[in-house]
Amino acid sequence: MTKIKLRARQAALSLLVLATGLLSVALAHAQRPSAEDHVIEIKLADLNDDNPLIDYRKALLELAMKASGRRYTISGCQLADVVTSDLRHVQLIKSGQYCNLLATSAGSALTQGLLSIEFPIYLGGGGYRVLLANRKSLEAARLIRNLDDLKRFSIGSGIDWVDTSIMQANGLAVVQANYMNLFAMLKAGRFDFYNRSAFEASAELESYDPGHELAIVPGLVLVYPEDLFFYTSPNRVDLRDALLDGLRKIYRNGELAELIRTHRSTRHARSVLQQAKGRVLVLANDRLTPLERQAIETYRLDWFK
């Protein structure tokens, strides 16, 4: 064999080895799962399609995760035959058991140690509040024109709720009790008003006041910077990043505003708020973290329009 042929054969062999190596690397890279291929499993606390407020959270998650382009599944993590509080859900999320996502009020001490998705899920709507009243207090509410007027009355609110501490910090008299007991207490005249979000009040009256003993105080709204945020397990940065990316996208393209406008839990709230011409009482809220406050100021909806 001549030297030329030997060199040619050696060169061809070298090229074959190089090509085989490159092909092996390419195949290995193609077979390696990318971050985009990873399925993000969302286990939402209290997922219950019979509750319009919880159904809104699921619909929001669906929109946001689709917009993120990531593969995902959504399921509930309600423990069978167990009444599970926000505190219990937080414990489960921290330990990585059963749940990995919770929606609750910003500024709550419960969420310390959880990873926050810095985006208000109602675009600030959680801070637009109306007052439920009994027949006697409904008449008296006509005289309320400012915060000092409201301070002459007592307001029912839940034990350890963020709203409770906000009202107390603004000098309002608050009577605390269990959520369900507050409706009966208002009917019995144990306090004058019950502070509810604009998108909760109407549905709650349908469910808990079949005798029509209570009503929303017309034309009066409390406003303070507050909303619900999603919180996840400390090690679920993948869930946080994907969900935040999707939420920002549906905010920019208008899908979130459309969801709020049409969803059964929120579509009537704006008509209630539009009646409050001239009687909007603004309260301060010092419970927010700087990031929560910035998010509420950045991602907003004018709920009066």
Protein backbone atom coordinates (compact mmCIF):
# COMPACT_ATOMS: atom_id res chain seq x y z
CA MET A 1 0.00 0.00 0.00
CA THR A 2 1.45 3.35 -0.96
CA LYS A 3 1.99 6.10 1.61
CA ILE A 4 -0.68 8.24 -0.08
CA LYS A 5 -3.34 5.52 0.24
CA LEU A 6 -2.34 4.85 3.88
CA ARG A 7 -2.65 8.52 4.77
CA ALA A 8 -6.02 8.72 3.01
CA ARG A 9 -7.33 5.72 4.94
CA GLN A 10 -6.08 7.17 8.25
CA ALA A 11 -7.75 10.51 7.48
CA ALA A 12 -11.03 8.80 6.62
CA LEU A 13 -10.88 6.79 9.82
CA SER A 14 -10.26 9.94 11.85
CA LEU A 15 -13.24 11.67 10.23
CA LEU A 16 -15.42 8.64 10.94
CA VAL A 17 -14.42 8.63 14.62
CA LEU A 18 -15.06 12.39 14.87
CA ALA A 19 -18.47 12.09 13.19
CA THR A 20 -19.46 9.21 15.46
CA GLY A 21 -18.50 11.24 18.52
CA LEU A 22 -20.44 14.29 17.38
CA LEU A 23 -23.49 12.14 16.65
CA SER A 24 -23.31 10.57 20.11
CA VAL A 25 -23.15 14.00 21.75
CA ALA A 26 -26.09 15.24 19.67
CA LEU A 27 -28.20 12.20 20.52
CA ALA A 28 -27.41 12.51 24.22
CA HIS A 29 -28.35 16.19 24.19
CA ALA A 30 -31.58 15.47 22.33
CA GLN A 31 -32.54 12.77 24.81
CA ARG A 32 -31.74 14.88 27.89
CA PRO A 33 -34.97 16.43 29.26
CA SER A 34 -34.97 20.22 29.07
CA ALA A 35 -36.56 22.54 31.60
CA GLU A 36 -39.40 23.11 29.16
CA ASP A 37 -40.13 19.36 29.04
CA HIS A 38 -40.44 19.13 32.83
CA VAL A 39 -44.08 18.80 33.93
CA ILE A 40 -44.89 21.28 36.69
CA GLU A 41 -47.32 19.67 39.11
CA ILE A 42 -49.50 22.23 40.87
CA LYS A 43 -51.35 21.04 43.97
CA LEU A 44 -53.62 23.89 44.99
CA ALA A 45 -54.93 24.20 48.53
CA ASP A 46 -58.73 23.97 48.83
CA LEU A 47 -59.35 23.28 45.14
CA ASN A 48 -63.12 22.96 44.94
CA ASP A 49 -65.01 23.77 41.75
CA ASP A 50 -68.25 24.31 43.71
CA ASN A 51 -66.75 27.43 45.29
CA PRO A 52 -66.68 30.33 42.77
CA LEU A 53 -63.72 31.99 44.48
CA ILE A 54 -61.62 28.81 44.32
CA ASP A 55 -62.78 28.18 40.76
CA TYR A 56 -61.43 31.64 39.85
CA ARG A 57 -58.01 30.65 41.16
CA LYS A 58 -58.02 27.49 39.06
CA ALA A 59 -59.10 29.42 35.95
CA LEU A 60 -56.33 31.95 36.58
CA LEU A 61 -53.74 29.20 36.97
CA GLU A 62 -54.90 27.57 33.72
CA LEU A 63 -54.54 30.85 31.80
CA ALA A 64 -51.18 31.70 33.30
CA MET A 65 -49.59 28.28 32.84
CA LYS A 66 -50.78 28.05 29.24
CA ALA A 67 -49.29 31.48 28.59
CA SER A 68 -45.99 30.36 30.16
CA GLY A 69 -45.64 27.59 27.57
CA ARG A 70 -44.72 25.08 30.25
CA ARG A 71 -46.26 21.62 30.67
CA TYR A 72 -48.33 21.40 33.84
CA THR A 73 -51.02 19.61 35.80
CA ILE A 74 -53.40 21.13 38.38
CA SER A 75 -54.99 19.15 41.18
CA GLY A 76 -56.27 19.78 44.69
CA CYS A 77 -54.69 18.79 47.96
CA GLN A 78 -57.67 18.88 50.31
CA LEU A 79 -57.23 16.06 52.80
CA ALA A 80 -60.19 13.73 52.91
CA ASP A 81 -62.62 14.22 55.82
CA VAL A 82 -60.44 16.92 57.36
CA VAL A 83 -61.29 20.61 57.75
CA THR A 84 -58.04 22.24 56.69
CA SER A 85 -57.17 25.81 57.68
CA ASP A 86 -54.73 28.15 55.95
CA LEU A 87 -52.29 27.42 58.79
CA ARG A 88 -52.46 23.67 58.11
CA HIS A 89 -52.02 24.24 54.38
CA VAL A 90 -48.95 26.40 55.04
CA GLN A 91 -47.47 23.62 57.18
CA LEU A 92 -48.11 21.08 54.41
CA ILE A 93 -46.56 23.36 51.77
CA LYS A 94 -43.46 24.02 53.88
CA SER A 95 -42.96 20.29 54.43
CA GLY A 96 -43.60 19.49 50.75
CA GLN A 97 -46.54 17.22 51.62
CA TYR A 98 -49.75 17.11 49.59
CA CYS A 99 -49.86 20.85 48.75
CA ASN A 100 -47.46 23.17 46.96
CA LEU A 101 -49.55 26.28 46.25
CA LEU A 102 -51.79 28.50 48.37
CA ALA A 103 -53.64 31.75 47.68
CA THR A 104 -54.00 34.04 50.68
CA SER A 105 -53.86 37.70 51.70
CA ALA A 106 -50.62 39.60 51.30
CA GLY A 107 -49.07 40.67 54.57
CA SER A 108 -50.13 37.58 56.48
CA ALA A 109 -47.72 36.27 59.08
CA LEU A 110 -48.69 32.77 57.98
CA THR A 111 -46.73 33.06 54.74
CA GLN A 112 -43.33 33.69 56.33
CA GLY A 113 -40.99 31.02 55.04
CA LEU A 114 -42.96 30.44 51.83
CA LEU A 115 -41.90 31.51 48.34
CA SER A 116 -44.10 34.37 47.13
CA ILE A 117 -45.31 34.80 43.55
CA GLU A 118 -45.25 38.59 43.48
CA PHE A 119 -48.44 39.23 41.55
CA PRO A 120 -51.87 40.32 42.93
CA ILE A 121 -54.36 37.77 41.61
CA TYR A 122 -57.26 40.27 41.50
CA LEU A 123 -55.15 43.19 40.27
CA GLY A 124 -55.69 44.98 43.56
CA GLY A 125 -59.37 44.01 43.81
CA GLY A 126 -58.87 42.37 47.19
CA GLY A 127 -58.49 45.85 48.69
CA TYR A 128 -61.89 47.09 47.49
CA ARG A 129 -64.23 46.39 50.39
CA VAL A 130 -67.95 46.75 51.00
CA LEU A 131 -69.87 46.54 54.25
CA LEU A 132 -72.69 44.13 55.01
CA ALA A 133 -75.32 45.52 57.37
CA ASN A 134 -78.49 44.51 59.18
CA ARG A 135 -81.64 46.61 58.83
CA LYS A 136 -80.79 48.92 61.73
CA SER A 137 -77.18 49.59 60.76
CA LEU A 138 -78.13 49.94 57.09
CA GLU A 139 -80.15 53.03 57.95
CA ALA A 140 -77.39 54.45 60.15
CA ALA A 141 -74.83 53.94 57.36
CA ARG A 142 -76.43 56.75 55.35
CA LEU A 143 -74.70 59.23 57.66
CA ILE A 144 -71.17 57.91 57.01
CA ARG A 145 -69.16 60.33 54.91
CA ASN A 146 -65.59 59.83 56.12
CA LEU A 147 -63.36 57.63 58.25
CA ASP A 148 -64.15 59.53 61.43
CA ASP A 149 -67.86 58.81 60.90
CA LEU A 150 -67.10 55.11 60.48
CA LYS A 151 -65.12 55.04 63.73
CA ARG A 152 -68.38 55.48 65.65
CA PHE A 153 -69.48 52.00 64.54
CA SER A 154 -68.18 48.46 65.16
CA ILE A 155 -67.11 46.15 62.33
CA GLY A 156 -66.98 42.35 62.33
CA SER A 157 -63.93 40.58 60.95
CA GLY A 158 -62.17 37.24 61.22
CA ILE A 159 -59.68 36.25 63.90
CA ASP A 160 -56.09 37.01 62.78
CA TRP A 161 -57.24 38.19 59.33
CA VAL A 162 -55.04 40.76 57.62
CA ASP A 163 -58.15 42.94 57.13
CA THR A 164 -58.72 42.89 60.88
CA SER A 165 -55.27 44.31 61.63
CA ILE A 166 -55.62 46.89 58.84
CA MET A 167 -58.88 48.23 60.26
CA GLN A 168 -57.51 48.27 63.81
CA ALA A 169 -54.40 50.17 62.67
CA ASN A 170 -56.71 52.79 61.12
CA GLY A 171 -58.54 53.32 64.40
CA LEU A 172 -61.69 51.30 63.67
CA ALA A 173 -63.47 49.25 66.32
CA VAL A 174 -63.33 45.57 65.29
CA VAL A 175 -65.18 42.59 66.73
CA GLN A 176 -63.39 39.33 65.92
CA ALA A 177 -65.01 35.92 65.50
CA ASN A 178 -65.07 32.79 63.34
CA TYR A 179 -66.01 33.40 59.69
CA MET A 180 -69.36 31.61 59.77
CA ASN A 181 -70.35 33.04 63.16
CA LEU A 182 -69.93 36.59 61.89
CA PHE A 183 -73.06 36.39 59.74
CA ALA A 184 -75.23 35.30 62.66
CA MET A 185 -73.63 37.90 64.92
CA LEU A 186 -74.40 40.68 62.45
CA LYS A 187 -78.03 39.56 62.25
CA ALA A 188 -78.18 39.62 66.06
CA GLY A 189 -76.75 43.15 66.21
CA ARG A 190 -73.51 42.16 67.97
CA PHE A 191 -71.74 44.69 65.72
CA ASP A 192 -72.82 47.13 63.02
CA PHE A 193 -71.09 46.04 59.81
CA TYR A 194 -69.18 43.12 58.33
CA ASN A 195 -66.22 43.98 56.06
CA ARG A 196 -66.15 41.86 52.87
CA SER A 197 -64.44 42.13 49.49
CA ALA A 198 -66.56 43.49 46.66
CA PHE A 199 -66.49 40.13 44.88
CA GLU A 200 -67.39 38.07 47.96
CA ALA A 201 -70.38 39.93 49.37
CA SER A 202 -73.17 39.16 46.89
CA ALA A 203 -72.46 35.42 46.76
CA GLU A 204 -72.22 35.24 50.53
CA LEU A 205 -75.60 36.91 50.97
CA GLU A 206 -77.12 34.30 48.64
CA SER A 207 -75.54 31.47 50.61
CA TYR A 208 -75.80 32.64 54.22
CA ASP A 209 -78.76 35.03 54.27
CA PRO A 210 -81.74 33.22 52.74
CA GLY A 211 -84.12 35.34 54.83
CA HIS A 212 -82.72 38.59 53.39
CA GLU A 213 -81.95 40.05 56.82
CA LEU A 214 -78.69 41.57 55.58
CA ALA A 215 -77.68 43.83 52.70
CA ILE A 216 -74.67 45.59 51.21
CA VAL A 217 -74.44 49.22 52.32
CA PRO A 218 -75.10 51.07 49.06
CA GLY A 219 -72.65 53.64 47.78
CA LEU A 220 -69.95 53.10 50.42
CA VAL A 221 -66.56 51.48 49.73
CA LEU A 222 -63.41 51.06 51.78
CA VAL A 223 -60.19 50.96 49.75
CA TYR A 224 -56.72 49.94 50.89
CA PRO A 225 -53.70 48.42 49.11
CA GLU A 226 -54.28 44.68 49.53
CA ASP A 227 -54.86 41.54 47.50
CA LEU A 228 -54.36 37.80 47.42
CA PHE A 229 -51.06 36.36 46.22
CA PHE A 230 -49.99 32.81 45.44
CA TYR A 231 -47.37 31.26 47.73
CA THR A 232 -45.45 28.05 47.09
CA SER A 233 -42.92 25.75 48.73
CA PRO A 234 -39.49 27.30 49.33
CA ASN A 235 -37.80 24.86 46.93
CA ARG A 236 -40.29 25.29 44.07
CA VAL A 237 -38.51 28.04 42.18
CA ASP A 238 -39.57 26.35 38.92
CA LEU A 239 -43.25 26.74 39.80
CA ARG A 240 -42.73 30.34 40.97
CA ASP A 241 -40.86 31.38 37.81
CA ALA A 242 -43.28 29.71 35.36
CA LEU A 243 -46.39 31.04 37.09
CA LEU A 244 -45.04 34.58 37.43
CA ASP A 245 -44.03 34.58 33.76
CA GLY A 246 -47.52 33.47 32.73
CA LEU A 247 -49.31 35.94 35.01
CA ARG A 248 -47.32 38.83 33.58
CA LYS A 249 -48.13 37.73 30.04
CA ILE A 250 -51.90 37.49 30.60
CA TYR A 251 -51.81 40.87 32.34
CA ARG A 252 -50.14 42.46 29.32
CA ASN A 253 -52.36 40.81 26.70
CA GLY A 254 -55.62 41.59 28.54
CA GLU A 255 -56.68 38.01 29.26
CA LEU A 256 -56.60 38.56 33.02
CA ALA A 257 -58.79 41.67 32.85
CA GLU A 258 -61.23 39.71 30.69
CA LEU A 259 -61.30 36.85 33.21
CA ILE A 260 -62.15 39.30 35.99
CA ARG A 261 -64.84 40.90 33.82
CA THR A 262 -66.54 37.60 32.95
CA HIS A 263 -65.92 35.10 35.75
CA ARG A 264 -68.95 34.26 37.89
CA SER A 265 -67.14 35.24 41.10
CA THR A 266 -66.04 38.72 39.97
CA ARG A 267 -68.30 39.93 37.15
CA HIS A 268 -70.82 41.70 39.43
CA ALA A 269 -68.28 43.37 41.72
CA ARG A 270 -67.61 46.36 39.52
CA SER A 271 -71.29 47.28 39.28
CA VAL A 272 -71.41 47.28 43.11
CA LEU A 273 -68.37 49.55 43.27
CA GLN A 274 -69.65 51.94 40.63
CA GLN A 275 -72.46 52.94 43.01
CA ALA A 276 -69.96 54.37 45.48
CA LYS A 277 -69.77 57.90 44.11
CA GLY A 278 -68.35 60.27 46.71
CA ARG A 279 -68.18 57.74 49.56
CA VAL A 280 -64.83 56.05 49.10
CA LEU A 281 -62.91 55.78 52.36
CA VAL A 282 -59.17 55.17 51.93
CA LEU A 283 -57.30 53.23 54.63
CA ALA A 284 -53.56 52.72 55.03
CA ASN A 285 -51.96 49.27 55.06
CA ASP A 286 -48.53 48.86 56.65
CA ARG A 287 -48.61 45.04 56.59
CA LEU A 288 -47.26 44.68 53.04
CA THR A 289 -43.67 43.79 52.24
CA PRO A 290 -41.94 46.19 49.82
CA LEU A 291 -42.23 43.60 47.03
CA GLU A 292 -45.95 43.03 47.68
CA ARG A 293 -46.61 46.77 47.67
CA GLN A 294 -44.66 47.22 44.44
CA ALA A 295 -46.57 44.36 42.79
CA ILE A 296 -49.96 45.85 43.76
CA GLU A 297 -48.88 49.24 42.41
CA THR A 298 -47.55 47.70 39.17
CA TYR A 299 -50.30 45.24 38.23
CA ARG A 300 -53.54 47.16 38.62
CA LEU A 301 -57.12 47.35 37.39
CA ASP A 302 -59.45 50.32 37.87
CA TRP A 303 -62.28 48.49 39.61
CA PHE A 304 -64.52 51.57 39.51
CA LYS A 305 -64.78 51.49 35.70
